[in-house]
C-alpha atoms as a PDB file:
ATOM      1  CA  LEU A   1     108.936 130.099 109.290  1.00  0.00           C
ATOM      2  CA  GLU A   2     105.461 131.356 110.721  1.00  0.00           C
ATOM      3  CA  LEU A   3     104.130 132.636 107.536  1.00  0.00           C
ATOM      4  CA  ILE A   4     104.801 129.218 105.839  1.00  0.00           C
ATOM      5  CA  LEU A   5     102.749 127.714 108.968  1.00  0.00           C
ATOM      6  CA  ALA A   6     100.233 130.463 108.406  1.00  0.00           C
ATOM      7  CA  ILE A   7      99.727 128.860 104.404  1.00  0.00           C
ATOM      8  CA  PRO A   8      96.049 127.538 103.857  1.00  0.00           C
ATOM      9  CA  ASP A   9      96.469 125.580 101.418  1.00  0.00           C
ATOM     10  CA  PRO A  10      98.357 122.037 102.945  1.00  0.00           C
ATOM     11  CA  GLN A  11     100.219 121.065  99.738  1.00  0.00           C
ATOM     12  CA  GLU A  12     101.487 124.297  99.246  1.00  0.00           C
ATOM     13  CA  ARG A  13     102.742 124.588 102.988  1.00  0.00           C
ATOM     14  CA  LEU A  14     104.318 121.275 102.993  1.00  0.00           C
ATOM     15  CA  GLY A  15     106.298 122.125  99.817  1.00  0.00           C
ATOM     16  CA  GLU A  16     107.339 125.712 101.592  1.00  0.00           C
ATOM     17  CA  LEU A  17     108.120 123.688 104.362  1.00  0.00           C
ATOM     18  CA  LEU A  18     110.768 121.442 101.821  1.00  0.00           C
ATOM     19  CA  LYS A  19     112.357 124.627 100.977  1.00  0.00           C
ATOM     20  CA  PHE A  20     113.081 125.866 104.111  1.00  0.00           C
ATOM     21  CA  SER A  21     114.116 122.878 105.493  1.00  0.00           C
ATOM     22  CA  ASN A  22     116.388 122.866 102.283  1.00  0.00           C
ATOM     23  CA  ALA A  23     117.435 126.071 102.952  1.00  0.00           C
ATOM     24  CA  VAL A  24     118.490 126.233 106.585  1.00  0.00           C
ATOM     25  CA  ARG A  25     122.528 126.637 107.212  1.00  0.00           C
ATOM     26  CA  LEU A  26     123.452 123.263 108.524  1.00  0.00           C
ATOM     27  CA  ALA A  27     125.187 124.885 111.523  1.00  0.00           C
ATOM     28  CA  GLN A  28     121.134 126.262 112.189  1.00  0.00           C
ATOM     29  CA  ILE A  29     119.348 123.386 112.137  1.00  0.00           C
ATOM     30  CA  PRO A  30     119.599 122.762 116.066  1.00  0.00           C
ATOM     31  CA  ASN A  31     117.836 126.183 116.920  1.00  0.00           C
ATOM     32  CA  THR A  32     115.621 126.013 113.813  1.00  0.00           C
ATOM     33  CA  ILE A  33     114.265 122.642 115.566  1.00  0.00           C
ATOM     34  CA  ALA A  34     114.401 124.638 119.124  1.00  0.00           C
ATOM     35  CA  ASP A  35     112.194 127.282 117.252  1.00  0.00           C
ATOM     36  CA  LEU A  36     109.861 125.277 115.755  1.00  0.00           C
ATOM     37  CA  HIS A  37     109.359 123.362 119.075  1.00  0.00           C
ATOM     38  CA  SER A  38     108.805 126.715 121.025  1.00  0.00           C
ATOM     39  CA  ILE A  39     105.765 128.078 118.318  1.00  0.00           C
ATOM     40  CA  THR A  40     103.866 124.963 117.629  1.00  0.00           C
ATOM     41  CA  PRO A  41     102.462 122.578 119.836  1.00  0.00           C
ATOM     42  CA  ASP A  42     103.298 118.994 119.892  1.00  0.00           C
ATOM     43  CA  TRP A  43     100.662 117.574 118.120  1.00  0.00           C
ATOM     44  CA  ASP A  44     101.080 120.224 115.190  1.00  0.00           C
ATOM     45  CA  GLN A  45     101.832 117.567 111.910  1.00  0.00           C
ATOM     46  CA  ASP A  46     103.532 120.253 109.434  1.00  0.00           C
ATOM     47  CA  ALA A  47     105.734 121.184 112.492  1.00  0.00           C
ATOM     48  CA  LYS A  48     107.001 117.454 113.183  1.00  0.00           C
ATOM     49  CA  VAL A  49     107.063 117.337 109.175  1.00  0.00           C
ATOM     50  CA  ALA A  50     109.407 120.170 109.447  1.00  0.00           C
ATOM     51  CA  ILE A  51     111.439 118.626 111.944  1.00  0.00           C
ATOM     52  CA  GLN A  52     111.679 115.136 110.703  1.00  0.00           C
ATOM     53  CA  LEU A  53     113.100 116.693 107.336  1.00  0.00           C
ATOM     54  CA  LEU A  54     115.710 118.912 109.324  1.00  0.00           C
ATOM     55  CA  TYR A  55     116.786 115.765 111.299  1.00  0.00           C
ATOM     56  CA  THR A  56     117.215 114.237 108.084  1.00  0.00           C
ATOM     57  CA  ARG A  57     119.618 116.451 106.730  1.00  0.00           C
ATOM     58  CA  TRP A  58     121.384 116.822 109.645  1.00  0.00           C
ATOM     59  CA  GLY A  59     121.910 113.555 109.718  1.00  0.00           C
ATOM     60  CA  LYS A  60     122.917 113.232 106.065  1.00  0.00           C
ATOM     61  CA  SER A  61     125.539 115.669 106.878  1.00  0.00           C
ATOM     62  CA  ASP A  62     127.070 114.955 110.023  1.00  0.00           C
ATOM     63  CA  ILE A  63     125.740 112.133 112.086  1.00  0.00           C
ATOM     64  CA  ASN A  64     128.018 111.927 114.915  1.00  0.00           C
ATOM     65  CA  SER A  65     126.485 115.666 115.360  1.00  0.00           C
ATOM     66  CA  ALA A  66     122.478 114.259 114.789  1.00  0.00           C
ATOM     67  CA  LEU A  67     123.013 111.265 117.352  1.00  0.00           C
ATOM     68  CA  ASP A  68     124.738 113.469 120.283  1.00  0.00           C
ATOM     69  CA  HIS A  69     122.411 115.908 119.735  1.00  0.00           C
ATOM     70  CA  VAL A  70     119.121 113.511 119.541  1.00  0.00           C
ATOM     71  CA  GLU A  71     120.816 110.924 122.386  1.00  0.00           C
ATOM     72  CA  GLY A  72     120.419 114.189 124.884  1.00  0.00           C
ATOM     73  CA  LEU A  73     116.368 114.289 124.316  1.00  0.00           C
ATOM     74  CA  ASP A  74     114.240 112.811 126.290  1.00  0.00           C
ATOM     75  CA  PHE A  75     112.341 110.570 124.416  1.00  0.00           C
ATOM     76  CA  LYS A  76     109.102 111.274 125.647  1.00  0.00           C
ATOM     77  CA  LEU A  77     108.755 114.491 123.951  1.00  0.00           C
ATOM     78  CA  ALA A  78     110.872 113.181 120.931  1.00  0.00           C
ATOM     79  CA  GLY A  79     110.913 109.505 120.045  1.00  0.00           C
ATOM     80  CA  ALA A  80     110.104 110.257 116.645  1.00  0.00           C
ATOM     81  CA  GLU A  81     113.298 112.731 116.558  1.00  0.00           C
ATOM     82  CA  ILE A  82     115.536 109.864 117.734  1.00  0.00           C
ATOM     83  CA  GLY A  83     114.055 107.395 115.399  1.00  0.00           C
ATOM     84  CA  THR A  84     114.463 109.932 112.233  1.00  0.00           C
ATOM     85  CA  VAL A  85     118.269 110.313 113.426  1.00  0.00           C
ATOM     86  CA  VAL A  86     118.665 106.168 113.774  1.00  0.00           C
ATOM     87  CA  ALA A  87     116.799 106.098 110.310  1.00  0.00           C
ATOM     88  CA  VAL A  88     119.635 108.103 108.724  1.00  0.00           C
ATOM     89  CA  LEU A  89     122.671 106.137 110.541  1.00  0.00           C
ATOM     90  CA  ALA A  90     120.885 103.173 109.567  1.00  0.00           C
ATOM     91  CA  ALA A  91     120.575 104.006 105.828  1.00  0.00           C
ATOM     92  CA  GLU A  92     124.258 105.094 105.221  1.00  0.00           C
ATOM     93  CA  ASP A  93     125.906 102.370 107.373  1.00  0.00           C
ATOM     94  CA  PRO A  94     123.248  99.644 108.816  1.00  0.00           C
ATOM     95  CA  GLN A  95     125.835  97.706 111.230  1.00  0.00           C
ATOM     96  CA  ARG A  96     126.726 101.020 112.599  1.00  0.00           C
ATOM     97  CA  ALA A  97     122.922 101.537 113.499  1.00  0.00           C
ATOM     98  CA  ALA A  98     122.850  98.314 114.735  1.00  0.00           C
ATOM     99  CA  ASP A  99     126.054  98.478 117.187  1.00  0.00           C
ATOM    100  CA  TRP A 100     124.707 101.310 118.212  1.00  0.00           C
ATOM    101  CA  LEU A 101     121.635  99.888 119.241  1.00  0.00           C
ATOM    102  CA  SER A 102     122.692  97.123 121.238  1.00  0.00           C
ATOM    103  CA  ALA A 103     125.740  99.687 123.243  1.00  0.00           C
ATOM    104  CA  PRO A 104     125.249  99.490 126.659  1.00  0.00           C
ATOM    105  CA  GLU A 105     125.246 102.857 127.325  1.00  0.00           C
ATOM    106  CA  ASN A 106     122.574 103.230 124.919  1.00  0.00           C
ATOM    107  CA  LYS A 107     119.777 104.679 127.182  1.00  0.00           C
ATOM    108  CA  PHE A 108     117.041 104.106 125.131  1.00  0.00           C
ATOM    109  CA  GLY A 109     118.092 100.641 124.999  1.00  0.00           C
ATOM    110  CA  ALA A 110     116.102 100.110 128.296  1.00  0.00           C
ATOM    111  CA  ILE A 111     113.180 101.372 127.378  1.00  0.00           C
ATOM    112  CA  PRO A 112     111.052  98.557 125.682  1.00  0.00           C
ATOM    113  CA  ILE A 113     109.108  99.912 123.550  1.00  0.00           C
ATOM    114  CA  LEU A 114     111.219 102.459 122.458  1.00  0.00           C
ATOM    115  CA  ASN A 115     113.913  99.794 122.162  1.00  0.00           C
ATOM    116  CA  GLN A 116     111.616  97.875 119.637  1.00  0.00           C
ATOM    117  CA  GLN A 117     110.550 100.850 117.466  1.00  0.00           C
ATOM    118  CA  LEU A 118     114.377 101.669 116.684  1.00  0.00           C
ATOM    119  CA  ALA A 119     114.930  97.935 116.144  1.00  0.00           C
ATOM    120  CA  GLY A 120     112.463  98.501 113.659  1.00  0.00           C
ATOM    121  CA  THR A 121     113.786 101.244 111.786  1.00  0.00           C
ATOM    122  CA  VAL A 122     117.315  99.686 111.717  1.00  0.00           C
ATOM    123  CA  GLY A 123     115.921  96.531 110.136  1.00  0.00           C
ATOM    124  CA  LYS A 124     113.382  98.559 107.522  1.00  0.00           C
ATOM    125  CA  GLU A 125     116.465 100.592 106.704  1.00  0.00           C
ATOM    126  CA  TRP A 126     118.460  97.434 106.236  1.00  0.00           C
ATOM    127  CA  ALA A 127     116.085  95.449 104.498  1.00  0.00           C
ATOM    128  CA  ARG A 128     116.170  98.114 101.422  1.00  0.00           C
ATOM    129  CA  GLN A 129     119.751  97.276 101.185  1.00  0.00           C
ATOM    130  CA  SER A 130     120.760  93.694 102.133  1.00  0.00           C
ATOM    131  CA  PRO A 131     117.773  91.957 102.658  1.00  0.00           C
ATOM    132  CA  ASP A 132     119.729  88.743 103.960  1.00  0.00           C
ATOM    133  CA  ALA A 133     121.667  90.286 106.137  1.00  0.00           C
ATOM    134  CA  ALA A 134     119.065  92.605 108.029  1.00  0.00           C
ATOM    135  CA  VAL A 135     117.247  89.067 108.359  1.00  0.00           C
ATOM    136  CA  ASN A 136     119.871  87.626 109.857  1.00  0.00           C
ATOM    137  CA  TRP A 137     121.002  90.726 112.079  1.00  0.00           C
ATOM    138  CA  ALA A 138     116.980  90.570 113.662  1.00  0.00           C
ATOM    139  CA  LEU A 139     116.797  86.575 114.146  1.00  0.00           C
ATOM    140  CA  ASP A 140     120.362  87.045 115.731  1.00  0.00           C
ATOM    141  CA  LEU A 141     118.530  89.593 118.789  1.00  0.00           C
ATOM    142  CA  ASP A 142     117.240  89.228 122.150  1.00  0.00           C
ATOM    143  CA  ASP A 143     113.569  88.981 122.677  1.00  0.00           C
ATOM    144  CA  SER A 144     113.834  92.913 124.005  1.00  0.00           C
ATOM    145  CA  LYS A 145     114.452  93.697 120.225  1.00  0.00           C
ATOM    146  CA  ARG A 146     113.684  90.915 117.599  1.00  0.00           C
ATOM    147  CA  GLY A 147     109.738  91.368 117.501  1.00  0.00           C
ATOM    148  CA  GLY A 148     110.585  95.053 116.409  1.00  0.00           C
ATOM    149  CA  ALA A 149     113.318  94.218 113.868  1.00  0.00           C
ATOM    150  CA  MET A 150     111.385  91.527 112.059  1.00  0.00           C
ATOM    151  CA  GLU A 151     108.333  93.937 111.465  1.00  0.00           C
ATOM    152  CA  GLY A 152     110.483  96.266 109.953  1.00  0.00           C
ATOM    153  CA  VAL A 153     112.221  93.998 108.189  1.00  0.00           C
ATOM    154  CA  LEU A 154     108.969  92.021 107.076  1.00  0.00           C
ATOM    155  CA  GLY A 155     107.378  95.727 106.676  1.00  0.00           C
ATOM    156  CA  THR A 156     110.359  96.479 103.733  1.00  0.00           C
ATOM    157  CA  LEU A 157     110.248  93.134 102.036  1.00  0.00           C
ATOM    158  CA  ALA A 158     106.419  93.531 102.018  1.00  0.00           C
ATOM    159  CA  THR A 159     107.305  96.488  98.919  1.00  0.00           C
ATOM    160  CA  THR A 160     110.803  96.167  97.592  1.00  0.00           C
ATOM    161  CA  HIS A 161     111.022  92.180  97.931  1.00  0.00           C
ATOM    162  CA  HIS A 162     107.900  90.951  98.425  1.00  0.00           C
ATOM    163  CA  TYR A 163     108.822  87.609  97.079  1.00  0.00           C
ATOM    164  CA  LEU A 164     111.282  86.992  99.491  1.00  0.00           C
ATOM    165  CA  LEU A 165     108.713  87.104 102.078  1.00  0.00           C
ATOM    166  CA  PRO A 166     107.712  83.590 102.552  1.00  0.00           C
ATOM    167  CA  ALA A 167     110.401  82.369 103.006  1.00  0.00           C
ATOM    168  CA  THR A 168     111.600  84.967 106.075  1.00  0.00           C
ATOM    169  CA  LEU A 169     108.461  84.196 107.575  1.00  0.00           C
ATOM    170  CA  GLU A 170     109.345  80.656 107.528  1.00  0.00           C
ATOM    171  CA  ARG A 171     113.095  80.877 109.136  1.00  0.00           C
ATOM    172  CA  TRP A 172     111.248  83.354 111.632  1.00  0.00           C
ATOM    173  CA  GLN A 173     108.933  80.470 111.848  1.00  0.00           C
ATOM    174  CA  SER A 174     111.154  77.815 112.495  1.00  0.00           C
ATOM    175  CA  LYS A 175     113.442  80.029 114.792  1.00  0.00           C
ATOM    176  CA  PHE A 176     110.991  81.225 117.286  1.00  0.00           C
ATOM    177  CA  PRO A 177     107.213  79.934 116.158  1.00  0.00           C
ATOM    178  CA  SER A 178     105.633  81.124 118.830  1.00  0.00           C
ATOM    179  CA  GLU A 179     106.876  84.935 118.120  1.00  0.00           C
ATOM    180  CA  ALA A 180     106.093  84.506 114.350  1.00  0.00           C
ATOM    181  CA  SER A 181     102.271  83.374 114.945  1.00  0.00           C
ATOM    182  CA  GLN A 182     101.870  85.767 117.026  1.00  0.00           C
ATOM    183  CA  TRP A 183     102.429  88.412 114.892  1.00  0.00           C
ATOM    184  CA  LYS A 184     100.479  86.889 111.993  1.00  0.00           C
ATOM    185  CA  LYS A 185      97.772  86.860 114.245  1.00  0.00           C
ATOM    186  CA  ARG A 186      98.469  90.594 114.738  1.00  0.00           C
ATOM    187  CA  ILE A 187      98.336  91.203 110.913  1.00  0.00           C
ATOM    188  CA  SER A 188      95.615  88.993 109.891  1.00  0.00           C
ATOM    189  CA  PRO A 189      92.423  90.815 109.374  1.00  0.00           C
END
């Protein structure tokens, strides 16, 4: 791993990190993630990419184990890692991800910024599969999640189903005019 991180060419280094993450045995993923944390600084982008790839692979293989693991993390140190596993869950089973996000035992629900980000992650992944279901879910959420969820849904629709964007914005505007207007102002140049 240290040899890969020392490769001078960034494109080659990233390619080798992808190969490396695919070659790690599933049982070794937690230890490999811990090793990456111990040998790289928090700001190291290559390590973050490798960690994201490892969590994605772990989540695709055993979502329950990966989710249990990230639920034990301190969000200040691992917010992106939590988001990666939730994205995998949402891509595989968006309703289960939505249920997890709203569960009273979800400790991340008490952290407003993370709650919004995770709702956005679920909305983004759900909109790729079923835009209408994602919009309906997002519009039914409480204030602590709705803005993030709608941002995730709208961001996906803008790139994958852009023709649905005006009607979706209109629905949001009709139900929550102030919220939708604030979002429009924030993204307008």
